[in-house]
Amino acid sequence: MIIALRKFIKDNDLTQASAARLLGVTQPRVSDLVKGKIDLFSIGALVKLLSKAGLRVELNIRRPAKAA
């Protein structure tokens, strides 16, 4: 999820300040995101940021494949 957000920021040529405005967070929070400080973000927070970026999150839960 962090990779998708970082790609969104880069692909849209956003500064950290403009990304912060768009995502509704502070610039230091975007800096943490860009630096990959994953321990500072919950899954819920990342989903909200992705949503504000106009990206959709899909989650698939499956049983593991059985060994032959």
PDB file of N, CA and C in Angstrom:
ATOM      1  N   MET A   1       0.820  -1.185   0.000  1.00  0.00           N
ATOM      2  CA  MET A   1       0.000   0.000   0.000  1.00  0.00           C
ATOM      3  C   MET A   1       0.872   1.260   0.000  1.00  0.00           C
ATOM      4  N   ILE A   2       1.934   1.209   0.767  1.00  0.00           N
ATOM      5  CA  ILE A   2       2.843   2.363   0.783  1.00  0.00           C
ATOM      6  C   ILE A   2       3.488   2.538  -0.596  1.00  0.00           C
ATOM      7  N   ILE A   3       3.837   1.444  -1.229  1.00  0.00           N
ATOM      8  CA  ILE A   3       4.430   1.532  -2.565  1.00  0.00           C
ATOM      9  C   ILE A   3       3.457   2.187  -3.536  1.00  0.00           C
ATOM     10  N   ALA A   4       2.177   1.823  -3.449  1.00  0.00           N
ATOM     11  CA  ALA A   4       1.170   2.420  -4.335  1.00  0.00           C
ATOM     12  C   ALA A   4       1.035   3.916  -4.076  1.00  0.00           C
ATOM     13  N   LEU A   5       1.077   4.324  -2.812  1.00  0.00           N
ATOM     14  CA  LEU A   5       0.979   5.752  -2.486  1.00  0.00           C
ATOM     15  C   LEU A   5       2.215   6.510  -2.971  1.00  0.00           C
ATOM     16  N   ARG A   6       3.379   5.928  -2.778  1.00  0.00           N
ATOM     17  CA  ARG A   6       4.604   6.574  -3.244  1.00  0.00           C
ATOM     18  C   ARG A   6       4.579   6.716  -4.763  1.00  0.00           C
ATOM     19  N   LYS A   7       4.110   5.678  -5.463  1.00  0.00           N
ATOM     20  CA  LYS A   7       4.008   5.721  -6.920  1.00  0.00           C
ATOM     21  C   LYS A   7       3.007   6.793  -7.350  1.00  0.00           C
ATOM     22  N   PHE A   8       1.890   6.905  -6.645  1.00  0.00           N
ATOM     23  CA  PHE A   8       0.893   7.919  -6.955  1.00  0.00           C
ATOM     24  C   PHE A   8       1.497   9.320  -6.844  1.00  0.00           C
ATOM     25  N   ILE A   9       2.237   9.560  -5.777  1.00  0.00           N
ATOM     26  CA  ILE A   9       2.869  10.865  -5.563  1.00  0.00           C
ATOM     27  C   ILE A   9       3.873  11.156  -6.675  1.00  0.00           C
ATOM     28  N   LYS A  10       4.696  10.165  -7.000  1.00  0.00           N
ATOM     29  CA  LYS A  10       5.712  10.351  -8.040  1.00  0.00           C
ATOM     30  C   LYS A  10       5.077  10.523  -9.415  1.00  0.00           C
ATOM     31  N   ASP A  11       4.127   9.651  -9.757  1.00  0.00           N
ATOM     32  CA  ASP A  11       3.505   9.695 -11.086  1.00  0.00           C
ATOM     33  C   ASP A  11       2.748  10.993 -11.336  1.00  0.00           C
ATOM     34  N   ASN A  12       2.268  11.622 -10.273  1.00  0.00           N
ATOM     35  CA  ASN A  12       1.525  12.877 -10.403  1.00  0.00           C
ATOM     36  C   ASN A  12       2.398  14.099 -10.135  1.00  0.00           C
ATOM     37  N   ASP A  13       3.707  13.882 -10.031  1.00  0.00           N
ATOM     38  CA  ASP A  13       4.677  14.961  -9.804  1.00  0.00           C
ATOM     39  C   ASP A  13       4.260  15.868  -8.649  1.00  0.00           C
ATOM     40  N   LEU A  14       3.806  15.246  -7.555  1.00  0.00           N
ATOM     41  CA  LEU A  14       3.376  16.026  -6.391  1.00  0.00           C
ATOM     42  C   LEU A  14       4.550  16.307  -5.473  1.00  0.00           C
ATOM     43  N   THR A  15       4.586  17.508  -4.946  1.00  0.00           N
ATOM     44  CA  THR A  15       5.535  17.789  -3.873  1.00  0.00           C
ATOM     45  C   THR A  15       4.956  17.169  -2.614  1.00  0.00           C
ATOM     46  N   GLN A  16       5.764  17.063  -1.586  1.00  0.00           N
ATOM     47  CA  GLN A  16       5.247  16.542  -0.326  1.00  0.00           C
ATOM     48  C   GLN A  16       4.153  17.452   0.218  1.00  0.00           C
ATOM     49  N   ALA A  17       4.305  18.740   0.048  1.00  0.00           N
ATOM     50  CA  ALA A  17       3.297  19.688   0.538  1.00  0.00           C
ATOM     51  C   ALA A  17       1.984  19.532  -0.214  1.00  0.00           C
ATOM     52  N   SER A  18       2.048  19.407  -1.550  1.00  0.00           N
ATOM     53  CA  SER A  18       0.806  19.264  -2.315  1.00  0.00           C
ATOM     54  C   SER A  18       0.166  17.898  -2.072  1.00  0.00           C
ATOM     55  N   ALA A  19       0.976  16.875  -1.901  1.00  0.00           N
ATOM     56  CA  ALA A  19       0.441  15.550  -1.569  1.00  0.00           C
ATOM     57  C   ALA A  19      -0.246  15.585  -0.210  1.00  0.00           C
ATOM     58  N   ALA A  20       0.349  16.290   0.723  1.00  0.00           N
ATOM     59  CA  ALA A  20      -0.244  16.406   2.059  1.00  0.00           C
ATOM     60  C   ALA A  20      -1.615  17.076   1.987  1.00  0.00           C
ATOM     61  N   ARG A  21      -1.717  18.146   1.217  1.00  0.00           N
ATOM     62  CA  ARG A  21      -3.019  18.829   1.060  1.00  0.00           C
ATOM     63  C   ARG A  21      -4.046  17.899   0.437  1.00  0.00           C
ATOM     64  N   LEU A  22      -3.652  17.200  -0.603  1.00  0.00           N
ATOM     65  CA  LEU A  22      -4.557  16.293  -1.297  1.00  0.00           C
ATOM     66  C   LEU A  22      -5.015  15.149  -0.387  1.00  0.00           C
ATOM     67  N   LEU A  23      -4.099  14.623   0.393  1.00  0.00           N
ATOM     68  CA  LEU A  23      -4.400  13.471   1.240  1.00  0.00           C
ATOM     69  C   LEU A  23      -4.964  13.853   2.609  1.00  0.00           C
ATOM     70  N   GLY A  24      -4.935  15.131   2.926  1.00  0.00           N
ATOM     71  CA  GLY A  24      -5.484  15.586   4.194  1.00  0.00           C
ATOM     72  C   GLY A  24      -4.627  15.258   5.398  1.00  0.00           C
ATOM     73  N   VAL A  25      -3.314  15.259   5.189  1.00  0.00           N
ATOM     74  CA  VAL A  25      -2.365  14.996   6.276  1.00  0.00           C
ATOM     75  C   VAL A  25      -1.297  16.087   6.271  1.00  0.00           C
ATOM     76  N   THR A  26      -0.383  16.024   7.213  1.00  0.00           N
ATOM     77  CA  THR A  26       0.695  16.999   7.269  1.00  0.00           C
ATOM     78  C   THR A  26       1.833  16.592   6.333  1.00  0.00           C
ATOM     79  N   GLN A  27       2.662  17.564   5.983  1.00  0.00           N
ATOM     80  CA  GLN A  27       3.827  17.276   5.140  1.00  0.00           C
ATOM     81  C   GLN A  27       4.777  16.293   5.824  1.00  0.00           C
ATOM     82  N   PRO A  28       5.030  16.420   7.151  1.00  0.00           N
ATOM     83  CA  PRO A  28       5.900  15.423   7.788  1.00  0.00           C
ATOM     84  C   PRO A  28       5.335  13.998   7.693  1.00  0.00           C
ATOM     85  N   ARG A  29       4.006  13.880   7.675  1.00  0.00           N
ATOM     86  CA  ARG A  29       3.381  12.554   7.532  1.00  0.00           C
ATOM     87  C   ARG A  29       3.665  12.002   6.136  1.00  0.00           C
ATOM     88  N   VAL A  30       3.604  12.845   5.120  1.00  0.00           N
ATOM     89  CA  VAL A  30       3.936  12.417   3.755  1.00  0.00           C
ATOM     90  C   VAL A  30       5.418  12.061   3.680  1.00  0.00           C
ATOM     91  N   SER A  31       6.250  12.815   4.359  1.00  0.00           N
ATOM     92  CA  SER A  31       7.678  12.514   4.392  1.00  0.00           C
ATOM     93  C   SER A  31       7.912  11.111   4.958  1.00  0.00           C
ATOM     94  N   ASP A  32       7.214  10.771   6.039  1.00  0.00           N
ATOM     95  CA  ASP A  32       7.328   9.420   6.616  1.00  0.00           C
ATOM     96  C   ASP A  32       6.911   8.363   5.600  1.00  0.00           C
ATOM     97  N   LEU A  33       5.869   8.662   4.854  1.00  0.00           N
ATOM     98  CA  LEU A  33       5.370   7.749   3.826  1.00  0.00           C
ATOM     99  C   LEU A  33       6.409   7.556   2.726  1.00  0.00           C
ATOM    100  N   VAL A  34       6.943   8.653   2.226  1.00  0.00           N
ATOM    101  CA  VAL A  34       7.925   8.610   1.139  1.00  0.00           C
ATOM    102  C   VAL A  34       9.199   7.894   1.574  1.00  0.00           C
ATOM    103  N   LYS A  35       9.566   8.052   2.833  1.00  0.00           N
ATOM    104  CA  LYS A  35      10.771   7.400   3.361  1.00  0.00           C
ATOM    105  C   LYS A  35      10.530   5.930   3.691  1.00  0.00           C
ATOM    106  N   GLY A  36       9.275   5.471   3.545  1.00  0.00           N
ATOM    107  CA  GLY A  36       8.975   4.059   3.771  1.00  0.00           C
ATOM    108  C   GLY A  36       8.917   3.644   5.222  1.00  0.00           C
ATOM    109  N   LYS A  37       8.593   4.561   6.095  1.00  0.00           N
ATOM    110  CA  LYS A  37       8.504   4.248   7.529  1.00  0.00           C
ATOM    111  C   LYS A  37       7.182   3.525   7.817  1.00  0.00           C
ATOM    112  N   ILE A  38       7.122   2.267   7.388  1.00  0.00           N
ATOM    113  CA  ILE A  38       5.876   1.523   7.436  1.00  0.00           C
ATOM    114  C   ILE A  38       5.364   1.289   8.848  1.00  0.00           C
ATOM    115  N   ASP A  39       6.249   1.281   9.808  1.00  0.00           N
ATOM    116  CA  ASP A  39       5.827   1.040  11.184  1.00  0.00           C
ATOM    117  C   ASP A  39       4.988   2.191  11.749  1.00  0.00           C
ATOM    118  N   LEU A  40       4.952   3.319  11.074  1.00  0.00           N
ATOM    119  CA  LEU A  40       4.197   4.479  11.547  1.00  0.00           C
ATOM    120  C   LEU A  40       2.778   4.539  10.989  1.00  0.00           C
ATOM    121  N   PHE A  41       2.401   3.552  10.148  1.00  0.00           N
ATOM    122  CA  PHE A  41       1.101   3.584   9.492  1.00  0.00           C
ATOM    123  C   PHE A  41       0.316   2.303   9.757  1.00  0.00           C
ATOM    124  N   SER A  42      -0.913   2.471  10.173  1.00  0.00           N
ATOM    125  CA  SER A  42      -1.793   1.311  10.325  1.00  0.00           C
ATOM    126  C   SER A  42      -2.392   0.979   8.962  1.00  0.00           C
ATOM    127  N   ILE A  43      -2.934  -0.200   8.854  1.00  0.00           N
ATOM    128  CA  ILE A  43      -3.597  -0.587   7.604  1.00  0.00           C
ATOM    129  C   ILE A  43      -4.765   0.354   7.335  1.00  0.00           C
ATOM    130  N   GLY A  44      -5.509   0.684   8.366  1.00  0.00           N
ATOM    131  CA  GLY A  44      -6.646   1.588   8.207  1.00  0.00           C
ATOM    132  C   GLY A  44      -6.232   2.954   7.687  1.00  0.00           C
ATOM    133  N   ALA A  45      -5.145   3.478   8.216  1.00  0.00           N
ATOM    134  CA  ALA A  45      -4.657   4.788   7.766  1.00  0.00           C
ATOM    135  C   ALA A  45      -4.234   4.733   6.303  1.00  0.00           C
ATOM    136  N   LEU A  46      -3.582   3.656   5.911  1.00  0.00           N
ATOM    137  CA  LEU A  46      -3.149   3.519   4.525  1.00  0.00           C
ATOM    138  C   LEU A  46      -4.344   3.400   3.584  1.00  0.00           C
ATOM    139  N   VAL A  47      -5.371   2.667   3.996  1.00  0.00           N
ATOM    140  CA  VAL A  47      -6.574   2.540   3.176  1.00  0.00           C
ATOM    141  C   VAL A  47      -7.224   3.905   2.984  1.00  0.00           C
ATOM    142  N   LYS A  48      -7.291   4.709   4.045  1.00  0.00           N
ATOM    143  CA  LYS A  48      -7.868   6.055   3.945  1.00  0.00           C
ATOM    144  C   LYS A  48      -7.057   6.927   2.997  1.00  0.00           C
ATOM    145  N   LEU A  49      -5.741   6.866   3.087  1.00  0.00           N
ATOM    146  CA  LEU A  49      -4.888   7.656   2.201  1.00  0.00           C
ATOM    147  C   LEU A  49      -5.057   7.227   0.745  1.00  0.00           C
ATOM    148  N   LEU A  50      -5.115   5.937   0.520  1.00  0.00           N
ATOM    149  CA  LEU A  50      -5.319   5.441  -0.838  1.00  0.00           C
ATOM    150  C   LEU A  50      -6.659   5.909  -1.391  1.00  0.00           C
ATOM    151  N   SER A  51      -7.670   5.894  -0.558  1.00  0.00           N
ATOM    152  CA  SER A  51      -8.994   6.347  -0.975  1.00  0.00           C
ATOM    153  C   SER A  51      -8.970   7.825  -1.343  1.00  0.00           C
ATOM    154  N   LYS A  52      -8.303   8.637  -0.538  1.00  0.00           N
ATOM    155  CA  LYS A  52      -8.199  10.068  -0.833  1.00  0.00           C
ATOM    156  C   LYS A  52      -7.416  10.318  -2.116  1.00  0.00           C
ATOM    157  N   ALA A  53      -6.533   9.385  -2.460  1.00  0.00           N
ATOM    158  CA  ALA A  53      -5.764   9.493  -3.699  1.00  0.00           C
ATOM    159  C   ALA A  53      -6.579   8.988  -4.892  1.00  0.00           C
ATOM    160  N   GLY A  54      -7.776   8.498  -4.630  1.00  0.00           N
ATOM    161  CA  GLY A  54      -8.618   7.995  -5.713  1.00  0.00           C
ATOM    162  C   GLY A  54      -8.290   6.572  -6.118  1.00  0.00           C
ATOM    163  N   LEU A  55      -7.593   5.866  -5.241  1.00  0.00           N
ATOM    164  CA  LEU A  55      -7.218   4.482  -5.521  1.00  0.00           C
ATOM    165  C   LEU A  55      -8.111   3.540  -4.708  1.00  0.00           C
ATOM    166  N   ARG A  56      -8.392   2.389  -5.276  1.00  0.00           N
ATOM    167  CA  ARG A  56      -9.263   1.419  -4.622  1.00  0.00           C
ATOM    168  C   ARG A  56      -8.434   0.270  -4.082  1.00  0.00           C
ATOM    169  N   VAL A  57      -8.775  -0.165  -2.879  1.00  0.00           N
ATOM    170  CA  VAL A  57      -8.077  -1.278  -2.245  1.00  0.00           C
ATOM    171  C   VAL A  57      -8.970  -2.510  -2.321  1.00  0.00           C
ATOM    172  N   GLU A  58      -8.395  -3.611  -2.763  1.00  0.00           N
ATOM    173  CA  GLU A  58      -9.092  -4.889  -2.781  1.00  0.00           C
ATOM    174  C   GLU A  58      -8.301  -5.874  -1.944  1.00  0.00           C
ATOM    175  N   LEU A  59      -9.016  -6.653  -1.141  1.00  0.00           N
ATOM    176  CA  LEU A  59      -8.378  -7.631  -0.267  1.00  0.00           C
ATOM    177  C   LEU A  59      -8.964  -8.991  -0.577  1.00  0.00           C
ATOM    178  N   ASN A  60      -8.110  -9.952  -0.818  1.00  0.00           N
ATOM    179  CA  ASN A  60      -8.537 -11.325  -1.072  1.00  0.00           C
ATOM    180  C   ASN A  60      -8.022 -12.223   0.034  1.00  0.00           C
ATOM    181  N   ILE A  61      -8.910 -13.000   0.599  1.00  0.00           N
ATOM    182  CA  ILE A  61      -8.526 -13.949   1.635  1.00  0.00           C
ATOM    183  C   ILE A  61      -8.856 -15.341   1.113  1.00  0.00           C
ATOM    184  N   ARG A  62      -7.863 -16.218   1.094  1.00  0.00           N
ATOM    185  CA  ARG A  62      -8.043 -17.562   0.575  1.00  0.00           C
ATOM    186  C   ARG A  62      -7.369 -18.574   1.489  1.00  0.00           C
ATOM    187  N   ARG A  63      -7.844 -19.758   1.392  1.00  0.00           N
ATOM    188  CA  ARG A  63      -7.158 -20.858   2.084  1.00  0.00           C
ATOM    189  C   ARG A  63      -5.883 -21.172   1.300  1.00  0.00           C
ATOM    190  N   PRO A  64      -4.850 -21.619   1.990  1.00  0.00           N
ATOM    191  CA  PRO A  64      -3.635 -21.974   1.269  1.00  0.00           C
ATOM    192  C   PRO A  64      -3.881 -23.200   0.391  1.00  0.00           C
ATOM    193  N   ALA A  65      -3.113 -23.291  -0.691  1.00  0.00           N
ATOM    194  CA  ALA A  65      -3.226 -24.455  -1.570  1.00  0.00           C
ATOM    195  C   ALA A  65      -2.741 -25.690  -0.815  1.00  0.00           C
ATOM    196  N   LYS A  66      -3.446 -26.786  -1.011  1.00  0.00           N
ATOM    197  CA  LYS A  66      -3.064 -28.041  -0.333  1.00  0.00           C
ATOM    198  C   LYS A  66      -1.872 -28.655  -1.040  1.00  0.00           C
ATOM    199  N   ALA A  67      -0.946 -29.154  -0.254  1.00  0.00           N
ATOM    200  CA  ALA A  67       0.227 -29.822  -0.813  1.00  0.00           C
ATOM    201  C   ALA A  67      -0.201 -31.148  -1.409  1.00  0.00           C
ATOM    202  N   ALA A  68       0.436 -31.526  -2.509  1.00  0.00           N
ATOM    203  CA  ALA A  68       0.070 -32.781  -3.190  1.00  0.00           C
ATOM    204  C   ALA A  68       0.606 -33.983  -2.486  1.00  0.00           C
TER     205      ALA A  68
END
